[in-house]
């Protein structure tokens, strides 16, 4: 049976049972599983997938999900990655820490579920924690014309702790003429 190294306090290997092997082979056969060459860090592959231009893979179809989606889907167009990987081992090699934190906060969906033991599970719920739709950092956005017919102004968006997650205090600072 195939064995995979497991990163935990004890080290060691995880052995896949026949059911897990069948699932993995089915995903490979259907083209839904990408395997990383031996010796390569998988983080680089899925980070690249999260920031790549997705236009070709969606054949030009508009996949935007609006914040008030009636089906309860998470808003946005960006790809989201379902992972609990914190990338502590080599995240600082990839990019400047602040940029990494920004990327991570809007692309990673964390999950939680109870393990199956002998094909039984006490709780079959899978918990997903979506990324933020809006950044929790102060942001400034240019506004062409700024409503004055002259040069552009800047609108600053401030998150406020006592408000909803998607609510911001906005200030437009007019440019001097």
N, C-alpha and C. Protein backbone atom coordinates (compact mmCIF):
# COMPACT_ATOMS: atom_id res chain seq x y z
N UNK A 1 0.84 -1.18 0.00
CA UNK A 1 0.00 0.00 0.00
C UNK A 1 0.89 1.24 0.00
N UNK A 2 0.48 2.28 -0.74
CA UNK A 2 1.26 3.52 -0.74
C UNK A 2 1.28 4.16 0.64
N UNK A 3 2.44 4.73 0.98
CA UNK A 3 2.58 5.45 2.24
C UNK A 3 3.01 6.86 1.92
N UNK A 4 2.51 7.82 2.70
CA UNK A 4 2.82 9.22 2.50
C UNK A 4 3.38 9.79 3.79
N UNK A 5 4.46 10.61 3.69
CA UNK A 5 4.97 11.24 4.92
C UNK A 5 3.92 12.17 5.51
N UNK A 6 3.81 12.14 6.81
CA UNK A 6 2.86 12.99 7.51
C UNK A 6 3.65 13.98 8.37
N UNK A 7 3.30 15.24 8.26
CA UNK A 7 3.98 16.26 9.05
C UNK A 7 3.24 16.43 10.37
N UNK A 8 3.73 15.76 11.39
CA UNK A 8 3.15 15.93 12.72
C UNK A 8 4.25 15.80 13.75
N UNK A 9 3.90 15.94 15.00
CA UNK A 9 4.91 15.92 16.05
C UNK A 9 5.66 14.59 16.11
N UNK A 10 4.99 13.51 15.73
CA UNK A 10 5.60 12.20 15.80
C UNK A 10 6.33 11.81 14.52
N UNK A 11 6.08 12.53 13.43
CA UNK A 11 6.64 12.13 12.13
C UNK A 11 5.95 10.86 11.67
N UNK A 12 6.52 10.19 10.72
CA UNK A 12 5.96 8.91 10.31
C UNK A 12 5.25 8.97 8.98
N UNK A 13 4.46 7.93 8.73
CA UNK A 13 3.79 7.78 7.45
C UNK A 13 2.32 7.50 7.63
N UNK A 14 1.54 7.88 6.64
CA UNK A 14 0.12 7.59 6.61
C UNK A 14 -0.10 6.56 5.52
N UNK A 15 -0.79 5.48 5.83
CA UNK A 15 -1.06 4.45 4.85
C UNK A 15 -2.50 4.61 4.36
N UNK A 16 -2.68 4.59 3.05
CA UNK A 16 -4.01 4.71 2.48
C UNK A 16 -4.65 3.34 2.34
N UNK A 17 -5.93 3.26 2.71
CA UNK A 17 -6.69 2.04 2.52
C UNK A 17 -7.20 1.96 1.09
N UNK A 18 -7.82 0.85 0.73
CA UNK A 18 -8.30 0.65 -0.63
C UNK A 18 -9.35 1.69 -1.03
N UNK A 19 -10.22 2.06 -0.10
CA UNK A 19 -11.25 3.06 -0.39
C UNK A 19 -10.61 4.41 -0.74
N UNK A 20 -9.59 4.82 0.04
CA UNK A 20 -8.90 6.08 -0.23
C UNK A 20 -8.15 6.03 -1.55
N UNK A 21 -7.52 4.87 -1.83
CA UNK A 21 -6.81 4.71 -3.11
C UNK A 21 -7.78 4.81 -4.29
N UNK A 22 -8.96 4.21 -4.16
CA UNK A 22 -9.96 4.27 -5.24
C UNK A 22 -10.41 5.71 -5.48
N UNK A 23 -10.62 6.46 -4.40
CA UNK A 23 -11.01 7.87 -4.54
C UNK A 23 -9.91 8.64 -5.25
N UNK A 24 -8.66 8.44 -4.82
CA UNK A 24 -7.54 9.16 -5.43
C UNK A 24 -7.40 8.80 -6.91
N UNK A 25 -7.52 7.53 -7.24
CA UNK A 25 -7.41 7.10 -8.65
C UNK A 25 -8.55 7.68 -9.48
N UNK A 26 -9.76 7.75 -8.91
CA UNK A 26 -10.90 8.34 -9.62
C UNK A 26 -10.67 9.82 -9.91
N UNK A 27 -10.12 10.54 -8.94
CA UNK A 27 -9.81 11.96 -9.15
C UNK A 27 -8.76 12.14 -10.24
N UNK A 28 -7.74 11.29 -10.24
CA UNK A 28 -6.71 11.35 -11.29
C UNK A 28 -7.31 11.06 -12.65
N UNK A 29 -8.10 10.00 -12.72
CA UNK A 29 -8.71 9.57 -13.99
C UNK A 29 -9.61 10.67 -14.57
N UNK A 30 -10.33 11.39 -13.70
CA UNK A 30 -11.25 12.44 -14.15
C UNK A 30 -10.55 13.78 -14.39
N UNK A 31 -9.23 13.82 -14.21
CA UNK A 31 -8.49 15.06 -14.42
C UNK A 31 -8.75 16.10 -13.35
N UNK A 32 -9.15 15.67 -12.16
CA UNK A 32 -9.46 16.61 -11.07
C UNK A 32 -8.38 16.64 -10.00
N UNK A 33 -7.30 15.91 -10.23
CA UNK A 33 -6.20 15.87 -9.27
C UNK A 33 -4.91 16.14 -10.01
N UNK A 34 -4.19 17.12 -9.53
CA UNK A 34 -2.88 17.43 -10.11
C UNK A 34 -1.82 16.95 -9.13
N UNK A 35 -0.89 16.17 -9.61
CA UNK A 35 0.18 15.70 -8.74
C UNK A 35 1.45 16.49 -9.01
N UNK A 36 2.14 16.81 -7.96
CA UNK A 36 3.37 17.59 -8.03
C UNK A 36 4.54 16.62 -8.15
N UNK A 37 5.50 16.92 -9.03
CA UNK A 37 6.66 16.03 -9.17
C UNK A 37 7.38 15.84 -7.84
N UNK A 38 7.94 14.64 -7.62
CA UNK A 38 8.66 14.38 -6.37
C UNK A 38 9.77 15.41 -6.15
N UNK A 39 9.93 15.83 -4.91
CA UNK A 39 10.97 16.78 -4.56
C UNK A 39 10.58 18.23 -4.74
N UNK A 40 9.39 18.49 -5.27
CA UNK A 40 8.92 19.87 -5.47
C UNK A 40 8.00 20.27 -4.32
N UNK A 41 8.02 21.53 -3.98
CA UNK A 41 7.15 22.04 -2.93
C UNK A 41 5.77 22.34 -3.53
N UNK A 42 4.75 21.65 -3.04
CA UNK A 42 3.41 21.80 -3.60
C UNK A 42 2.84 23.20 -3.41
N UNK A 43 3.26 23.92 -2.37
CA UNK A 43 2.73 25.27 -2.12
C UNK A 43 2.92 26.18 -3.33
N UNK A 44 4.07 26.10 -3.97
CA UNK A 44 4.33 26.97 -5.11
C UNK A 44 3.33 26.71 -6.24
N UNK A 45 2.92 25.47 -6.43
CA UNK A 45 1.99 25.13 -7.49
C UNK A 45 0.60 25.69 -7.22
N UNK A 46 0.09 25.52 -6.00
CA UNK A 46 -1.27 26.00 -5.76
C UNK A 46 -1.33 27.50 -5.54
N UNK A 47 -0.23 28.11 -5.11
CA UNK A 47 -0.22 29.57 -5.04
C UNK A 47 -0.26 30.14 -6.45
N UNK A 48 0.52 29.57 -7.35
CA UNK A 48 0.51 30.02 -8.75
C UNK A 48 -0.89 29.84 -9.35
N UNK A 49 -1.54 28.72 -9.07
CA UNK A 49 -2.89 28.49 -9.58
C UNK A 49 -3.86 29.55 -9.06
N UNK A 50 -3.67 30.01 -7.83
CA UNK A 50 -4.60 30.97 -7.24
C UNK A 50 -4.45 32.37 -7.82
N UNK A 51 -3.29 32.69 -8.38
CA UNK A 51 -3.09 34.04 -8.91
C UNK A 51 -3.03 34.07 -10.43
N UNK A 52 -3.14 32.91 -11.07
CA UNK A 52 -3.06 32.87 -12.53
C UNK A 52 -4.34 33.40 -13.16
N UNK A 53 -4.26 33.74 -14.42
CA UNK A 53 -5.42 34.21 -15.16
C UNK A 53 -6.34 33.02 -15.42
N UNK A 54 -7.53 33.06 -14.87
CA UNK A 54 -8.45 31.93 -14.97
C UNK A 54 -9.34 32.00 -16.21
N UNK A 55 -9.14 33.01 -17.07
CA UNK A 55 -10.03 33.22 -18.22
C UNK A 55 -10.06 32.01 -19.15
N UNK A 56 -8.92 31.39 -19.40
CA UNK A 56 -8.88 30.27 -20.33
C UNK A 56 -9.64 29.06 -19.77
N UNK A 57 -9.45 28.78 -18.48
CA UNK A 57 -10.09 27.61 -17.89
C UNK A 57 -11.60 27.76 -17.79
N UNK A 58 -12.11 28.98 -17.79
CA UNK A 58 -13.57 29.18 -17.71
C UNK A 58 -14.17 29.55 -19.06
N UNK A 59 -13.35 29.45 -20.12
CA UNK A 59 -13.82 29.71 -21.48
C UNK A 59 -14.51 31.07 -21.62
N UNK A 60 -14.01 32.08 -20.93
CA UNK A 60 -14.56 33.42 -21.05
C UNK A 60 -15.87 33.64 -20.31
N UNK A 61 -16.40 32.60 -19.64
CA UNK A 61 -17.66 32.73 -18.92
C UNK A 61 -17.48 33.61 -17.69
N UNK A 62 -18.43 34.51 -17.44
CA UNK A 62 -18.38 35.39 -16.27
C UNK A 62 -18.77 34.59 -15.03
N UNK A 63 -17.85 34.46 -14.10
CA UNK A 63 -18.09 33.68 -12.89
C UNK A 63 -18.23 34.55 -11.64
N UNK A 64 -18.41 35.87 -11.83
CA UNK A 64 -18.53 36.76 -10.68
C UNK A 64 -19.71 36.35 -9.79
N UNK A 65 -19.48 36.32 -8.49
CA UNK A 65 -20.53 36.07 -7.51
C UNK A 65 -20.69 37.35 -6.70
N UNK A 66 -21.88 37.92 -6.72
CA UNK A 66 -22.14 39.17 -6.02
C UNK A 66 -22.32 38.93 -4.52
N UNK A 67 -22.04 39.94 -3.68
CA UNK A 67 -22.14 39.76 -2.23
C UNK A 67 -23.53 39.34 -1.74
N UNK A 68 -24.60 39.71 -2.42
CA UNK A 68 -25.95 39.36 -1.97
C UNK A 68 -26.50 38.14 -2.70
N UNK A 69 -25.64 37.19 -3.04
CA UNK A 69 -26.05 35.99 -3.78
C UNK A 69 -27.13 35.23 -3.03
N UNK A 70 -28.25 34.94 -3.71
CA UNK A 70 -29.39 34.29 -3.07
C UNK A 70 -29.10 32.85 -2.67
N UNK A 71 -28.10 32.22 -3.30
CA UNK A 71 -27.75 30.84 -2.98
C UNK A 71 -26.77 30.74 -1.82
N UNK A 72 -26.33 31.88 -1.30
CA UNK A 72 -25.40 31.88 -0.19
C UNK A 72 -23.96 31.59 -0.59
N UNK A 73 -23.66 31.69 -1.89
CA UNK A 73 -22.28 31.44 -2.34
C UNK A 73 -21.38 32.59 -1.92
N UNK A 74 -20.11 32.29 -1.72
CA UNK A 74 -19.15 33.33 -1.34
C UNK A 74 -18.90 34.25 -2.51
N UNK A 75 -18.90 35.55 -2.28
CA UNK A 75 -18.74 36.51 -3.37
C UNK A 75 -17.32 36.57 -3.92
N UNK A 76 -17.24 37.03 -5.16
CA UNK A 76 -15.94 37.26 -5.79
C UNK A 76 -15.76 36.45 -7.05
N UNK A 77 -14.63 36.65 -7.69
CA UNK A 77 -14.27 35.90 -8.89
C UNK A 77 -13.04 35.06 -8.63
N UNK A 78 -12.24 35.49 -7.67
CA UNK A 78 -10.95 34.85 -7.43
C UNK A 78 -11.10 33.37 -7.11
N UNK A 79 -10.11 32.57 -7.48
CA UNK A 79 -10.14 31.18 -7.03
C UNK A 79 -9.87 31.14 -5.53
N UNK A 80 -10.49 30.21 -4.85
CA UNK A 80 -10.25 30.04 -3.42
C UNK A 80 -9.67 28.66 -3.20
N UNK A 81 -8.76 28.55 -2.28
CA UNK A 81 -8.07 27.30 -1.99
C UNK A 81 -8.57 26.76 -0.67
N UNK A 82 -9.00 25.50 -0.67
CA UNK A 82 -9.45 24.86 0.55
C UNK A 82 -8.24 24.16 1.16
N UNK A 83 -7.75 24.68 2.27
CA UNK A 83 -6.53 24.15 2.88
C UNK A 83 -6.41 24.63 4.31
N UNK A 84 -5.80 23.80 5.14
CA UNK A 84 -5.44 24.22 6.49
C UNK A 84 -3.93 24.41 6.58
N UNK A 85 -3.26 24.36 5.45
CA UNK A 85 -1.81 24.53 5.40
C UNK A 85 -1.47 25.97 5.75
N UNK A 86 -0.69 26.17 6.79
CA UNK A 86 -0.29 27.52 7.19
C UNK A 86 1.00 27.96 6.50
N UNK A 87 1.66 27.06 5.82
CA UNK A 87 2.90 27.32 5.07
C UNK A 87 3.97 27.97 5.94
N UNK A 88 4.05 27.57 7.17
CA UNK A 88 5.03 28.15 8.08
C UNK A 88 6.46 27.85 7.66
N UNK A 89 6.66 26.69 7.02
CA UNK A 89 8.01 26.25 6.73
C UNK A 89 8.74 27.08 5.69
N UNK A 90 8.04 27.64 4.72
CA UNK A 90 8.75 28.40 3.70
C UNK A 90 7.97 29.58 3.14
N UNK A 91 7.00 30.08 3.88
CA UNK A 91 6.22 31.21 3.37
C UNK A 91 7.04 32.48 3.21
N UNK A 92 8.04 32.67 4.03
CA UNK A 92 8.84 33.89 3.93
C UNK A 92 9.73 33.89 2.70
N UNK A 93 10.02 32.72 2.13
CA UNK A 93 10.81 32.67 0.90
C UNK A 93 10.00 33.17 -0.29
N UNK A 94 8.67 33.08 -0.20
CA UNK A 94 7.83 33.33 -1.36
C UNK A 94 7.65 34.80 -1.68
N UNK A 95 7.41 35.61 -0.69
CA UNK A 95 7.14 37.02 -0.94
C UNK A 95 7.27 37.82 0.35
N UNK A 96 7.20 39.10 0.20
CA UNK A 96 7.25 39.99 1.35
C UNK A 96 6.11 39.62 2.31
N UNK A 97 6.36 39.54 3.63
CA UNK A 97 5.36 39.06 4.57
C UNK A 97 4.01 39.77 4.51
N UNK A 98 3.99 41.08 4.32
CA UNK A 98 2.71 41.80 4.27
C UNK A 98 1.91 41.39 3.03
N UNK A 99 2.58 41.26 1.89
CA UNK A 99 1.88 40.81 0.68
C UNK A 99 1.36 39.39 0.84
N UNK A 100 2.17 38.54 1.47
CA UNK A 100 1.73 37.17 1.70
C UNK A 100 0.50 37.15 2.58
N UNK A 101 0.50 37.93 3.66
CA UNK A 101 -0.66 37.98 4.57
C UNK A 101 -1.91 38.45 3.82
N UNK A 102 -1.77 39.44 2.95
CA UNK A 102 -2.91 39.92 2.16
C UNK A 102 -3.43 38.84 1.23
N UNK A 103 -2.51 38.17 0.54
CA UNK A 103 -2.92 37.10 -0.37
C UNK A 103 -3.63 36.00 0.41
N UNK A 104 -3.04 35.58 1.52
CA UNK A 104 -3.57 34.48 2.31
C UNK A 104 -4.97 34.80 2.83
N UNK A 105 -5.19 36.05 3.27
CA UNK A 105 -6.47 36.41 3.88
C UNK A 105 -7.62 36.44 2.89
N UNK A 106 -7.34 36.49 1.60
CA UNK A 106 -8.46 36.54 0.64
C UNK A 106 -8.52 35.33 -0.30
N UNK A 107 -7.65 34.33 -0.13
CA UNK A 107 -7.69 33.17 -1.01
C UNK A 107 -7.86 31.83 -0.29
N UNK A 108 -7.61 31.76 1.00
CA UNK A 108 -7.61 30.48 1.70
C UNK A 108 -8.91 30.26 2.45
N UNK A 109 -9.54 29.11 2.19
CA UNK A 109 -10.72 28.65 2.91
C UNK A 109 -10.24 27.54 3.86
N UNK A 110 -10.35 27.77 5.16
CA UNK A 110 -9.97 26.73 6.11
C UNK A 110 -11.15 25.79 6.34
N UNK A 111 -10.86 24.57 6.72
CA UNK A 111 -11.92 23.58 6.91
C UNK A 111 -11.72 22.84 8.22
N UNK A 112 -12.79 22.16 8.64
CA UNK A 112 -12.75 21.36 9.85
C UNK A 112 -13.77 20.24 9.70
N UNK A 113 -13.37 19.02 9.99
CA UNK A 113 -14.31 17.91 9.98
C UNK A 113 -13.80 16.81 10.90
N UNK A 114 -14.71 15.94 11.31
CA UNK A 114 -14.36 14.83 12.19
C UNK A 114 -13.86 13.67 11.35
N UNK A 115 -12.82 13.03 11.81
CA UNK A 115 -12.23 11.92 11.07
C UNK A 115 -13.14 10.69 11.09
N UNK A 116 -13.05 9.90 10.04
CA UNK A 116 -13.72 8.62 9.98
C UNK A 116 -12.81 7.59 10.64
N UNK A 117 -13.38 6.77 11.50
CA UNK A 117 -12.63 5.67 12.11
C UNK A 117 -13.41 4.40 11.82
N UNK A 118 -12.78 3.46 11.13
CA UNK A 118 -13.44 2.22 10.71
C UNK A 118 -14.73 2.50 9.95
N UNK A 119 -14.65 3.41 8.98
CA UNK A 119 -15.78 3.79 8.13
C UNK A 119 -16.95 4.41 8.89
N UNK A 120 -16.73 4.88 10.10
CA UNK A 120 -17.77 5.54 10.87
C UNK A 120 -17.30 6.92 11.30
N UNK A 121 -18.27 7.84 11.37
CA UNK A 121 -17.95 9.21 11.77
C UNK A 121 -19.05 9.69 12.71
N UNK A 122 -18.65 10.28 13.83
CA UNK A 122 -19.61 10.76 14.81
C UNK A 122 -20.39 11.96 14.26
N UNK A 123 -19.68 12.89 13.65
CA UNK A 123 -20.30 14.12 13.14
C UNK A 123 -19.92 14.28 11.67
N UNK A 124 -20.90 14.24 10.78
CA UNK A 124 -20.62 14.30 9.34
C UNK A 124 -20.58 15.73 8.80
N UNK A 125 -20.65 16.72 9.66
CA UNK A 125 -20.60 18.12 9.22
C UNK A 125 -19.18 18.51 8.82
N UNK A 126 -19.07 19.26 7.74
CA UNK A 126 -17.80 19.83 7.33
C UNK A 126 -17.92 21.33 7.49
N UNK A 127 -17.05 21.90 8.30
CA UNK A 127 -17.06 23.34 8.53
C UNK A 127 -16.08 24.04 7.61
N UNK A 128 -16.53 25.08 6.92
CA UNK A 128 -15.68 25.87 6.04
C UNK A 128 -15.64 27.31 6.54
N UNK A 129 -14.45 27.87 6.61
CA UNK A 129 -14.29 29.27 7.02
C UNK A 129 -13.80 30.06 5.82
N UNK A 130 -14.69 30.82 5.18
CA UNK A 130 -14.31 31.52 3.95
C UNK A 130 -13.35 32.68 4.21
N UNK A 131 -12.61 33.05 3.17
CA UNK A 131 -11.74 34.23 3.30
C UNK A 131 -12.58 35.50 3.32
N UNK A 132 -11.96 36.59 3.72
CA UNK A 132 -12.64 37.87 3.73
C UNK A 132 -12.95 38.31 2.30
N UNK A 133 -14.15 38.84 2.08
CA UNK A 133 -14.49 39.39 0.77
C UNK A 133 -13.86 40.77 0.62
N UNK A 134 -13.91 41.55 1.70
CA UNK A 134 -13.27 42.86 1.72
C UNK A 134 -12.07 42.79 2.66
N UNK A 135 -11.02 43.48 2.30
CA UNK A 135 -9.82 43.52 3.13
C UNK A 135 -10.14 44.16 4.48
N UNK A 136 -9.44 43.72 5.51
CA UNK A 136 -9.59 44.31 6.84
C UNK A 136 -8.54 45.39 7.07
N UNK A 137 -7.87 45.80 6.00
CA UNK A 137 -6.87 46.86 6.09
C UNK A 137 -7.45 48.15 5.53
N UNK A 138 -6.90 49.27 5.96
CA UNK A 138 -7.30 50.57 5.40
C UNK A 138 -6.85 50.59 3.94
N UNK A 139 -7.75 51.02 3.06
CA UNK A 139 -7.43 51.07 1.64
C UNK A 139 -7.83 52.41 1.05
N UNK A 140 -7.05 52.87 0.09
CA UNK A 140 -7.37 54.08 -0.65
C UNK A 140 -7.59 53.74 -2.11
N UNK A 141 -8.67 54.25 -2.67
CA UNK A 141 -8.98 54.00 -4.07
C UNK A 141 -9.18 55.32 -4.80
N UNK A 142 -8.56 55.46 -5.97
CA UNK A 142 -8.76 56.69 -6.75
C UNK A 142 -10.17 56.73 -7.33
N UNK A 143 -10.73 57.92 -7.41
CA UNK A 143 -12.03 58.11 -8.05
C UNK A 143 -11.84 59.10 -9.19
N UNK A 144 -11.89 58.62 -10.43
CA UNK A 144 -11.69 59.52 -11.57
C UNK A 144 -12.69 60.67 -11.53
N UNK A 145 -12.18 61.87 -11.56
CA UNK A 145 -13.05 63.04 -11.56
C UNK A 145 -13.57 63.40 -10.19
N UNK A 146 -13.76 62.42 -9.33
CA UNK A 146 -14.20 62.68 -7.96
C UNK A 146 -15.51 63.42 -7.87
N UNK A 147 -16.30 63.42 -8.93
CA UNK A 147 -17.58 64.11 -8.91
C UNK A 147 -17.47 65.60 -9.11
N UNK A 148 -16.25 66.12 -9.24
CA UNK A 148 -16.09 67.56 -9.36
C UNK A 148 -15.79 67.99 -10.79
N UNK A 149 -15.59 67.01 -11.67
CA UNK A 149 -15.27 67.34 -13.06
C UNK A 149 -13.80 67.65 -13.25
N UNK A 150 -13.03 67.68 -12.17
CA UNK A 150 -11.59 67.96 -12.24
C UNK A 150 -10.82 66.66 -12.07
N UNK A 151 -9.59 66.76 -11.61
CA UNK A 151 -8.75 65.58 -11.41
C UNK A 151 -9.36 64.61 -10.41
N UNK A 152 -8.75 63.44 -10.29
CA UNK A 152 -9.29 62.40 -9.41
C UNK A 152 -9.06 62.67 -7.94
N UNK A 153 -9.95 62.18 -7.11
CA UNK A 153 -9.83 62.24 -5.66
C UNK A 153 -9.48 60.84 -5.17
N UNK A 154 -9.22 60.72 -3.89
CA UNK A 154 -8.99 59.42 -3.28
C UNK A 154 -10.08 59.17 -2.26
N UNK A 155 -10.65 57.97 -2.27
CA UNK A 155 -11.61 57.56 -1.25
C UNK A 155 -10.90 56.56 -0.35
N UNK A 156 -10.91 56.83 0.95
CA UNK A 156 -10.28 55.96 1.92
C UNK A 156 -11.35 55.13 2.62
N UNK A 157 -11.12 53.83 2.73
CA UNK A 157 -12.06 52.89 3.35
C UNK A 157 -11.44 52.37 4.64
N UNK A 158 -12.12 52.64 5.77
CA UNK A 158 -11.61 52.24 7.08
C UNK A 158 -12.52 51.16 7.67
N UNK A 159 -11.99 49.97 7.98
CA UNK A 159 -12.81 48.99 8.70
C UNK A 159 -13.03 49.47 10.14
N UNK A 160 -14.20 49.23 10.69
CA UNK A 160 -14.53 49.66 12.04
C UNK A 160 -14.91 48.42 12.85
N UNK A 161 -14.25 48.21 13.98
CA UNK A 161 -14.47 46.99 14.77
C UNK A 161 -15.92 46.77 15.16
N UNK A 162 -16.65 47.83 15.51
CA UNK A 162 -18.03 47.68 15.98
C UNK A 162 -19.04 47.49 14.86
N UNK A 163 -18.62 47.57 13.61
CA UNK A 163 -19.53 47.45 12.47
C UNK A 163 -19.46 46.05 11.89
N UNK A 164 -20.30 45.78 10.91
CA UNK A 164 -20.29 44.48 10.23
C UNK A 164 -18.99 44.25 9.49
N UNK A 165 -18.68 42.99 9.21
CA UNK A 165 -17.42 42.65 8.53
C UNK A 165 -17.25 43.34 7.19
N UNK A 166 -18.34 43.56 6.47
CA UNK A 166 -18.24 44.16 5.14
C UNK A 166 -18.56 45.65 5.12
N UNK A 167 -18.76 46.26 6.29
CA UNK A 167 -19.05 47.69 6.36
C UNK A 167 -17.76 48.48 6.56
N UNK A 168 -17.67 49.64 5.92
CA UNK A 168 -16.49 50.49 6.03
C UNK A 168 -16.91 51.94 6.22
N UNK A 169 -16.09 52.69 6.95
CA UNK A 169 -16.23 54.13 7.07
C UNK A 169 -15.42 54.71 5.92
N UNK A 170 -16.07 55.46 5.02
CA UNK A 170 -15.40 55.97 3.83
C UNK A 170 -15.27 57.49 3.87
N UNK A 171 -14.11 57.96 3.48
CA UNK A 171 -13.83 59.39 3.42
C UNK A 171 -13.24 59.70 2.06
N UNK A 172 -13.81 60.71 1.39
CA UNK A 172 -13.23 61.17 0.12
C UNK A 172 -12.48 62.46 0.39
N UNK A 173 -11.22 62.45 0.05
CA UNK A 173 -10.39 63.64 0.26
C UNK A 173 -10.22 64.33 -1.09
N UNK A 174 -10.87 65.49 -1.26
CA UNK A 174 -10.78 66.19 -2.54
C UNK A 174 -9.35 66.65 -2.82
N UNK A 175 -9.01 66.57 -4.04
CA UNK A 175 -7.71 67.05 -4.49
C UNK A 175 -7.78 68.56 -4.66
N UNK A 176 -6.73 69.24 -4.27
CA UNK A 176 -6.73 70.69 -4.45
C UNK A 176 -6.60 71.02 -5.92
N UNK A 177 -7.35 72.01 -6.37
CA UNK A 177 -7.32 72.40 -7.78
C UNK A 177 -6.15 73.30 -8.07
